[in-house]
């Protein structure tokens, strides 16, 4: 039976290369795939940026376990504090983000934490779909994952050869 697959990418903001991939069925939460991406990403991770789909407790726990302190994931608009300020435990990164958003506003928070580096992953996904299309040829899940990994390796090779240099004209 045909079904949708979701491709999740871990992209290095400095080099714009794809570090890790996760291919999931349509019903898998982004945060669950994000945990798998964090585990698969080699080397130290300075900052994690993702959209609101990653705003889940398991994702933050994985980040904390891996020693990632800069987490730029916007909490949902109706979010509540998970751990109150009078707790003896260290503050949770999500709660710090939520408090900062309440203090300076969501738009200013995104600038302060560098949330917009998340767009580099969107750009990598755009490059992937432009070059390889949005369909997979393989039929089994294991072969689809292999196909995606090969395509990502090819895309990384193209990226290393050089990206266009964009200059803003005033």
C-alpha atoms as a PDB file:
ATOM      1  CA  UNK A   1       0.000   0.000   0.000  1.00  0.00           C
ATOM      2  CA  UNK A   2       1.328   3.428  -0.864  1.00  0.00           C
ATOM      3  CA  UNK A   3       1.811   5.911   1.919  1.00  0.00           C
ATOM      4  CA  UNK A   4       3.533   9.210   2.555  1.00  0.00           C
ATOM      5  CA  UNK A   5       7.040   9.360   3.949  1.00  0.00           C
ATOM      6  CA  UNK A   6       8.448  12.379   5.722  1.00  0.00           C
ATOM      7  CA  UNK A   7      12.098  13.284   5.298  1.00  0.00           C
ATOM      8  CA  UNK A   8      13.745  15.011   8.259  1.00  0.00           C
ATOM      9  CA  UNK A   9      17.171  16.601   7.857  1.00  0.00           C
ATOM     10  CA  UNK A  10      19.846  17.705  10.300  1.00  0.00           C
ATOM     11  CA  UNK A  11      21.771  20.513   8.599  1.00  0.00           C
ATOM     12  CA  UNK A  12      24.993  22.149   9.753  1.00  0.00           C
ATOM     13  CA  UNK A  13      24.336  25.892   9.707  1.00  0.00           C
ATOM     14  CA  UNK A  14      27.973  26.788   8.979  1.00  0.00           C
ATOM     15  CA  UNK A  15      28.581  24.487   6.000  1.00  0.00           C
ATOM     16  CA  UNK A  16      24.945  23.855   4.972  1.00  0.00           C
ATOM     17  CA  UNK A  17      25.716  20.142   4.614  1.00  0.00           C
ATOM     18  CA  UNK A  18      23.285  17.450   5.674  1.00  0.00           C
ATOM     19  CA  UNK A  19      24.577  15.728   8.827  1.00  0.00           C
ATOM     20  CA  UNK A  20      21.840  13.166   9.438  1.00  0.00           C
ATOM     21  CA  UNK A  21      18.573  12.014   7.875  1.00  0.00           C
ATOM     22  CA  UNK A  22      15.450  10.344   9.192  1.00  0.00           C
ATOM     23  CA  UNK A  23      12.728   8.922   6.994  1.00  0.00           C
ATOM     24  CA  UNK A  24       9.449   8.305   8.797  1.00  0.00           C
ATOM     25  CA  UNK A  25       5.860   7.432   8.041  1.00  0.00           C
ATOM     26  CA  UNK A  26       3.382  10.289   7.916  1.00  0.00           C
ATOM     27  CA  UNK A  27       1.962   9.607  11.394  1.00  0.00           C
ATOM     28  CA  UNK A  28       5.267   9.935  13.282  1.00  0.00           C
ATOM     29  CA  UNK A  29       5.626  13.139  15.302  1.00  0.00           C
ATOM     30  CA  UNK A  30       8.341  15.586  14.231  1.00  0.00           C
ATOM     31  CA  UNK A  31       9.727  15.571  17.775  1.00  0.00           C
ATOM     32  CA  UNK A  32      10.190  11.792  17.675  1.00  0.00           C
ATOM     33  CA  UNK A  33      12.084  12.042  14.392  1.00  0.00           C
ATOM     34  CA  UNK A  34      14.017  14.991  15.835  1.00  0.00           C
ATOM     35  CA  UNK A  35      15.260  12.835  18.704  1.00  0.00           C
ATOM     36  CA  UNK A  36      16.528  10.277  16.191  1.00  0.00           C
ATOM     37  CA  UNK A  37      18.234  13.047  14.204  1.00  0.00           C
ATOM     38  CA  UNK A  38      19.976  14.386  17.298  1.00  0.00           C
ATOM     39  CA  UNK A  39      21.236  10.908  18.145  1.00  0.00           C
ATOM     40  CA  UNK A  40      22.529  10.391  14.590  1.00  0.00           C
ATOM     41  CA  UNK A  41      24.202  13.785  14.190  1.00  0.00           C
ATOM     42  CA  UNK A  42      27.981  13.411  14.569  1.00  0.00           C
ATOM     43  CA  UNK A  43      30.076  15.717  16.726  1.00  0.00           C
ATOM     44  CA  UNK A  44      29.012  18.377  19.195  1.00  0.00           C
ATOM     45  CA  UNK A  45      25.859  20.364  18.502  1.00  0.00           C
ATOM     46  CA  UNK A  46      25.964  24.063  19.385  1.00  0.00           C
ATOM     47  CA  UNK A  47      22.332  24.930  18.726  1.00  0.00           C
ATOM     48  CA  UNK A  48      19.156  23.167  17.680  1.00  0.00           C
ATOM     49  CA  UNK A  49      16.597  25.157  15.704  1.00  0.00           C
ATOM     50  CA  UNK A  50      13.248  23.730  14.694  1.00  0.00           C
ATOM     51  CA  UNK A  51       9.644  24.701  14.226  1.00  0.00           C
ATOM     52  CA  UNK A  52       6.880  24.270  16.798  1.00  0.00           C
ATOM     53  CA  UNK A  53       6.433  20.599  15.884  1.00  0.00           C
ATOM     54  CA  UNK A  54       9.533  19.837  17.980  1.00  0.00           C
ATOM     55  CA  UNK A  55       8.039  21.422  21.122  1.00  0.00           C
ATOM     56  CA  UNK A  56       7.655  18.159  23.016  1.00  0.00           C
ATOM     57  CA  UNK A  57       9.058  17.043  26.347  1.00  0.00           C
ATOM     58  CA  UNK A  58      10.936  14.050  24.854  1.00  0.00           C
ATOM     59  CA  UNK A  59      12.752  16.314  22.396  1.00  0.00           C
ATOM     60  CA  UNK A  60      13.924  18.675  25.142  1.00  0.00           C
ATOM     61  CA  UNK A  61      14.979  15.727  27.305  1.00  0.00           C
ATOM     62  CA  UNK A  62      17.068  14.337  24.432  1.00  0.00           C
ATOM     63  CA  UNK A  63      18.696  17.745  23.924  1.00  0.00           C
ATOM     64  CA  UNK A  64      19.493  18.001  27.631  1.00  0.00           C
ATOM     65  CA  UNK A  65      20.894  14.466  27.733  1.00  0.00           C
ATOM     66  CA  UNK A  66      23.173  15.267  24.777  1.00  0.00           C
ATOM     67  CA  UNK A  67      24.358  18.491  26.447  1.00  0.00           C
ATOM     68  CA  UNK A  68      22.649  20.895  24.035  1.00  0.00           C
ATOM     69  CA  UNK A  69      21.728  24.063  25.896  1.00  0.00           C
ATOM     70  CA  UNK A  70      20.790  26.389  23.013  1.00  0.00           C
ATOM     71  CA  UNK A  71      17.406  25.164  21.835  1.00  0.00           C
ATOM     72  CA  UNK A  72      15.560  27.522  19.485  1.00  0.00           C
ATOM     73  CA  UNK A  73      12.175  25.827  19.255  1.00  0.00           C
ATOM     74  CA  UNK A  74       9.204  28.141  19.726  1.00  0.00           C
ATOM     75  CA  UNK A  75       6.716  26.915  22.322  1.00  0.00           C
ATOM     76  CA  UNK A  76       3.105  26.698  21.227  1.00  0.00           C
ATOM     77  CA  UNK A  77       1.066  29.872  21.631  1.00  0.00           C
ATOM     78  CA  UNK A  78      -0.952  28.355  24.505  1.00  0.00           C
ATOM     79  CA  UNK A  79       2.137  26.863  26.215  1.00  0.00           C
ATOM     80  CA  UNK A  80       2.461  26.664  29.988  1.00  0.00           C
ATOM     81  CA  UNK A  81       5.567  26.600  32.152  1.00  0.00           C
ATOM     82  CA  UNK A  82       6.692  23.022  32.873  1.00  0.00           C
ATOM     83  CA  UNK A  83       8.785  23.768  35.947  1.00  0.00           C
ATOM     84  CA  UNK A  84       8.117  26.776  38.136  1.00  0.00           C
ATOM     85  CA  UNK A  85      10.844  29.232  39.085  1.00  0.00           C
ATOM     86  CA  UNK A  86      10.921  28.283  42.770  1.00  0.00           C
ATOM     87  CA  UNK A  87      12.156  24.765  41.961  1.00  0.00           C
ATOM     88  CA  UNK A  88      15.585  23.712  43.247  1.00  0.00           C
ATOM     89  CA  UNK A  89      16.393  22.103  39.890  1.00  0.00           C
ATOM     90  CA  UNK A  90      18.062  24.102  37.089  1.00  0.00           C
ATOM     91  CA  UNK A  91      15.621  25.914  34.778  1.00  0.00           C
ATOM     92  CA  UNK A  92      14.395  24.073  31.693  1.00  0.00           C
ATOM     93  CA  UNK A  93      15.438  25.555  28.314  1.00  0.00           C
ATOM     94  CA  UNK A  94      11.835  25.527  27.106  1.00  0.00           C
ATOM     95  CA  UNK A  95      10.677  27.465  30.151  1.00  0.00           C
ATOM     96  CA  UNK A  96      13.467  29.994  29.617  1.00  0.00           C
ATOM     97  CA  UNK A  97      12.336  30.404  26.001  1.00  0.00           C
ATOM     98  CA  UNK A  98       8.726  30.837  27.092  1.00  0.00           C
ATOM     99  CA  UNK A  99       9.632  33.428  29.719  1.00  0.00           C
ATOM    100  CA  UNK A 100      11.747  35.336  27.205  1.00  0.00           C
ATOM    101  CA  UNK A 101       8.896  35.286  24.666  1.00  0.00           C
ATOM    102  CA  UNK A 102       6.511  36.658  27.293  1.00  0.00           C
ATOM    103  CA  UNK A 103       9.035  39.379  28.149  1.00  0.00           C
ATOM    104  CA  UNK A 104      10.165  40.562  24.680  1.00  0.00           C
ATOM    105  CA  UNK A 105       7.634  39.027  22.273  1.00  0.00           C
ATOM    106  CA  UNK A 106       7.881  36.115  19.854  1.00  0.00           C
ATOM    107  CA  UNK A 107       9.310  38.117  16.955  1.00  0.00           C
ATOM    108  CA  UNK A 108      12.141  39.617  19.016  1.00  0.00           C
ATOM    109  CA  UNK A 109      12.834  36.234  20.681  1.00  0.00           C
ATOM    110  CA  UNK A 110      13.389  34.638  17.269  1.00  0.00           C
ATOM    111  CA  UNK A 111      16.049  37.234  16.498  1.00  0.00           C
ATOM    112  CA  UNK A 112      17.700  36.919  19.928  1.00  0.00           C
ATOM    113  CA  UNK A 113      18.095  33.124  19.818  1.00  0.00           C
ATOM    114  CA  UNK A 114      18.970  32.827  16.129  1.00  0.00           C
ATOM    115  CA  UNK A 115      15.808  30.924  15.285  1.00  0.00           C
ATOM    116  CA  UNK A 116      16.005  31.926  11.631  1.00  0.00           C
ATOM    117  CA  UNK A 117      18.983  29.601  11.054  1.00  0.00           C
ATOM    118  CA  UNK A 118      16.223  26.988  10.837  1.00  0.00           C
ATOM    119  CA  UNK A 119      15.580  28.285   7.327  1.00  0.00           C
ATOM    120  CA  UNK A 120      18.869  26.680   6.248  1.00  0.00           C
ATOM    121  CA  UNK A 121      17.263  23.270   6.754  1.00  0.00           C
ATOM    122  CA  UNK A 122      14.283  24.432   4.698  1.00  0.00           C
ATOM    123  CA  UNK A 123      16.698  25.595   1.989  1.00  0.00           C
ATOM    124  CA  UNK A 124      18.454  22.209   2.030  1.00  0.00           C
ATOM    125  CA  UNK A 125      15.076  20.506   1.658  1.00  0.00           C
ATOM    126  CA  UNK A 126      14.257  22.834  -1.236  1.00  0.00           C
ATOM    127  CA  UNK A 127      17.569  21.956  -2.932  1.00  0.00           C
ATOM    128  CA  UNK A 128      16.862  18.250  -2.374  1.00  0.00           C
ATOM    129  CA  UNK A 129      13.401  18.440  -3.972  1.00  0.00           C
ATOM    130  CA  UNK A 130      14.564  20.665  -6.837  1.00  0.00           C
ATOM    131  CA  UNK A 131      17.393  18.336  -7.807  1.00  0.00           C
ATOM    132  CA  UNK A 132      15.897  14.922  -7.026  1.00  0.00           C
ATOM    133  CA  UNK A 133      12.144  15.530  -7.075  1.00  0.00           C
ATOM    134  CA  UNK A 134       9.702  14.742  -4.299  1.00  0.00           C
ATOM    135  CA  UNK A 135       9.200  11.034  -4.971  1.00  0.00           C
ATOM    136  CA  UNK A 136      11.187   7.937  -4.069  1.00  0.00           C
ATOM    137  CA  UNK A 137      11.768   5.112  -6.530  1.00  0.00           C
ATOM    138  CA  UNK A 138      12.402   2.321  -4.038  1.00  0.00           C
ATOM    139  CA  UNK A 139       9.463   0.375  -2.639  1.00  0.00           C
ATOM    140  CA  UNK A 140      10.683  -1.024   0.684  1.00  0.00           C
ATOM    141  CA  UNK A 141      11.423   1.213   3.648  1.00  0.00           C
ATOM    142  CA  UNK A 142      15.046   0.078   4.004  1.00  0.00           C
ATOM    143  CA  UNK A 143      15.735   0.761   0.330  1.00  0.00           C
ATOM    144  CA  UNK A 144      13.962   4.112   0.518  1.00  0.00           C
ATOM    145  CA  UNK A 145      16.243   5.085   3.387  1.00  0.00           C
ATOM    146  CA  UNK A 146      19.265   3.993   1.360  1.00  0.00           C
ATOM    147  CA  UNK A 147      18.002   6.011  -1.623  1.00  0.00           C
ATOM    148  CA  UNK A 148      17.579   9.111   0.541  1.00  0.00           C
ATOM    149  CA  UNK A 149      21.047   8.706   2.071  1.00  0.00           C
ATOM    150  CA  UNK A 150      22.646   8.391  -1.372  1.00  0.00           C
ATOM    151  CA  UNK A 151      20.798  11.487  -2.581  1.00  0.00           C
ATOM    152  CA  UNK A 152      21.877  13.413   0.529  1.00  0.00           C
ATOM    153  CA  UNK A 153      25.502  12.363  -0.010  1.00  0.00           C
ATOM    154  CA  UNK A 154      25.282  13.606  -3.604  1.00  0.00           C
ATOM    155  CA  UNK A 155      23.701  16.858  -2.452  1.00  0.00           C
ATOM    156  CA  UNK A 156      26.472  17.318   0.126  1.00  0.00           C
ATOM    157  CA  UNK A 157      29.046  16.831  -2.620  1.00  0.00           C
ATOM    158  CA  UNK A 158      27.330  19.501  -4.740  1.00  0.00           C
ATOM    159  CA  UNK A 159      27.132  21.838  -1.745  1.00  0.00           C
ATOM    160  CA  UNK A 160      30.847  21.400  -1.028  1.00  0.00           C
ATOM    161  CA  UNK A 161      31.653  22.365  -4.614  1.00  0.00           C
ATOM    162  CA  UNK A 162      30.113  25.743  -3.948  1.00  0.00           C
ATOM    163  CA  UNK A 163      26.927  27.592  -3.177  1.00  0.00           C
ATOM    164  CA  UNK A 164      25.810  30.759  -4.910  1.00  0.00           C
ATOM    165  CA  UNK A 165      26.882  33.954  -3.213  1.00  0.00           C
ATOM    166  CA  UNK A 166      23.900  36.205  -2.596  1.00  0.00           C
ATOM    167  CA  UNK A 167      24.387  39.904  -2.038  1.00  0.00           C
ATOM    168  CA  UNK A 168      21.615  42.260  -1.037  1.00  0.00           C
ATOM    169  CA  UNK A 169      21.294  45.189  -3.394  1.00  0.00           C
ATOM    170  CA  UNK A 170      20.017  48.348  -1.766  1.00  0.00           C
END
